[in-house]
Amino acid sequence: MAGSDRLSLRRPAPVLDPTVLYEMLAGKRAFEGEDVTDTLAAVLRAEPEWSALPANTPVLVRTLLTRCLQRNQRERIGDIAAALFAIDEAEWRWLLH
């Protein structure tokens, strides 16, 4: 339905995007580049700096991020909405407070 405020699991809110979540937690971009071409090249050649995540980031959230941002398509979770079913609500409480 056009103009609906309902959350669509096929097109999740930006905070559910693994790159946005990484950047919110780490306080820095997952892939650095001066322009779009440089950023896309960084996606292809580098991993995000996992040590930039806060020490209190739950293991399940770290695993989710690493699997969603995995360069190898066979090992990557293709749909963040599907991955959310694996996370218990309690795991997200630390982020909301």
Foldseek 3Di string as FASTA:
>chain_A
DPPDPDADQQDGDPCLQLQNVCCVQLVDGQADDPDPVNRVVSLQPHGGPLVSGDPPQDPLSSVLSCQCSPPPPVSHDPGSSVSVVVDDPVNCPVVVD
